[in-house]
Amino acid sequence: MSLTLAQKQRILNSSDKGDELVLIGQRIGAEALTAVLDILGGTTGCETYIPSPQNFFERLQRDIRDADIRERWTRGNTSVIAAQYGISPRRVLQIVQQDPNTREVD
C-alpha cells in the first residue's frame, strides 16, 4: 500500500509517539522525511536502524489505529470496532491486551 504525501503528513501530525523519527518528521515534514528514509531506509550494519519510508509510515499508522482501538474498546463493542477497522474481533482483543493499562480482556 503506497501512501500519498498528504496521508503521510496526516499520520505524522496525528502521532503522539515520542519516536525520534516521528519528531524529526513533524519538524521537517513528510516530504523531507520520506527523502531521508529513501536514502537511508533499510540500511543494515548501522548502529541505528532506519526503516524504509513505507515501513515507517505503515507502522506509525498502525500504532495510531491501535491506540484509538484501545481508547474506544469496551467489552461489548469488540465486533463493532473490528468491522470499523476491517480487522477480526480476535485482532481487536490482541491489540487491547498489548496495553498494560487496558482493562482485563475475557
Protein backbone atom coordinates (compact mmCIF):
# COMPACT_ATOMS: atom_id res chain seq x y z
CA MET A 1 0.00 0.00 0.00
CA SER A 2 1.52 3.28 -1.09
CA LEU A 3 0.57 6.37 0.89
CA THR A 4 0.26 9.84 -0.59
CA LEU A 5 2.34 12.69 0.80
CA ALA A 6 -0.79 14.21 2.34
CA GLN A 7 -1.61 10.90 4.07
CA LYS A 8 1.95 10.64 5.40
CA GLN A 9 1.76 14.20 6.78
CA ARG A 10 -1.61 13.46 8.42
CA ILE A 11 -0.13 10.33 10.03
CA LEU A 12 2.85 12.29 11.37
CA ASN A 13 0.63 15.06 12.71
CA SER A 14 -1.69 12.53 14.39
CA SER A 15 1.08 10.71 16.20
CA ASP A 16 1.87 11.38 19.83
CA LYS A 17 4.63 8.80 19.78
CA GLY A 18 7.94 10.15 21.07
CA ASP A 19 9.95 8.22 18.46
CA GLU A 20 12.91 10.25 17.14
CA LEU A 21 11.86 9.78 13.52
CA VAL A 22 8.33 10.95 14.29
CA LEU A 23 9.67 14.08 15.99
CA ILE A 24 12.02 14.76 13.07
CA GLY A 25 9.18 14.21 10.59
CA GLN A 26 6.89 16.57 12.48
CA ARG A 27 9.62 19.19 12.33
CA ILE A 28 10.82 18.83 8.73
CA GLY A 29 7.65 17.47 7.14
CA ALA A 30 6.65 14.21 5.50
CA GLU A 31 8.24 15.01 2.13
CA ALA A 32 11.71 15.65 3.58
CA LEU A 33 11.46 12.69 5.95
CA THR A 34 10.47 10.41 3.08
CA ALA A 35 13.50 11.60 1.10
CA VAL A 36 15.81 10.83 4.04
CA LEU A 37 14.22 7.41 4.54
CA ASP A 38 14.52 6.69 0.80
CA ILE A 39 18.27 7.27 1.01
CA LEU A 40 18.96 5.63 4.38
CA GLY A 41 15.98 3.33 4.92
CA GLY A 42 16.51 -0.39 5.31
CA THR A 43 20.25 0.08 5.78
CA THR A 44 21.87 -2.74 7.72
CA GLY A 45 25.12 -2.69 9.61
CA CYS A 46 24.38 0.73 11.09
CA GLU A 47 24.26 1.40 14.80
CA THR A 48 20.75 2.81 14.40
CA TYR A 49 18.14 1.05 12.32
CA ILE A 50 16.43 3.34 9.82
CA PRO A 51 13.29 1.86 8.31
CA SER A 52 12.16 2.29 4.74
CA PRO A 53 9.57 5.06 4.25
CA GLN A 54 6.78 2.57 3.58
CA ASN A 55 7.52 0.52 6.69
CA PHE A 56 7.88 3.63 8.85
CA PHE A 57 4.59 5.26 7.84
CA GLU A 58 2.64 1.98 7.86
CA ARG A 59 3.94 1.15 11.36
CA LEU A 60 3.07 4.63 12.58
CA GLN A 61 -0.39 4.40 11.05
CA ARG A 62 -0.92 1.03 12.82
CA ASP A 63 0.26 2.50 16.13
CA ILE A 64 -2.27 5.33 15.83
CA ARG A 65 -5.04 2.87 14.88
CA ASP A 66 -4.15 0.58 17.80
CA ALA A 67 -4.16 3.47 20.29
CA ASP A 68 -7.59 4.52 19.01
CA ILE A 69 -8.88 0.95 19.36
CA ARG A 70 -7.58 0.70 22.93
CA GLU A 71 -9.17 4.03 23.80
CA ARG A 72 -12.57 3.11 22.33
CA TRP A 73 -12.74 -0.54 23.39
CA THR A 74 -15.28 -1.87 25.89
CA ARG A 75 -16.30 -5.49 26.43
CA GLY A 76 -19.45 -5.04 24.37
CA ASN A 77 -18.12 -3.33 21.26
CA THR A 78 -15.35 -5.66 20.04
CA SER A 79 -17.25 -6.71 16.90
CA VAL A 80 -18.25 -3.14 16.08
CA ILE A 81 -14.66 -1.91 16.32
CA ALA A 82 -13.44 -4.88 14.27
CA ALA A 83 -15.89 -4.04 11.49
CA GLN A 84 -14.95 -0.34 11.53
CA TYR A 85 -11.25 -1.11 11.09
CA GLY A 86 -11.61 -4.14 8.81
CA ILE A 87 -9.91 -6.50 11.26
CA SER A 88 -11.11 -9.55 13.16
CA PRO A 89 -12.58 -9.37 16.67
CA ARG A 90 -9.68 -11.57 17.79
CA ARG A 91 -7.19 -8.98 16.48
CA VAL A 92 -9.04 -6.23 18.38
CA LEU A 93 -8.62 -8.21 21.60
CA GLN A 94 -4.93 -8.83 20.85
CA ILE A 95 -4.41 -5.08 20.38
CA VAL A 96 -6.26 -4.29 23.61
CA GLN A 97 -4.21 -6.87 25.54
CA GLN A 98 -0.93 -5.29 24.36
CA ASP A 99 -1.55 -2.29 26.63
CA PRO A 100 -0.89 -2.96 30.34
CA ASN A 101 -3.23 -0.07 31.27
CA THR A 102 -6.21 -1.62 29.50
CA ARG A 103 -8.86 -3.42 31.47
CA GLU A 104 -8.54 -7.20 31.52
CA VAL A 105 -10.00 -8.96 28.49
CA ASP A 106 -12.06 -12.12 28.95
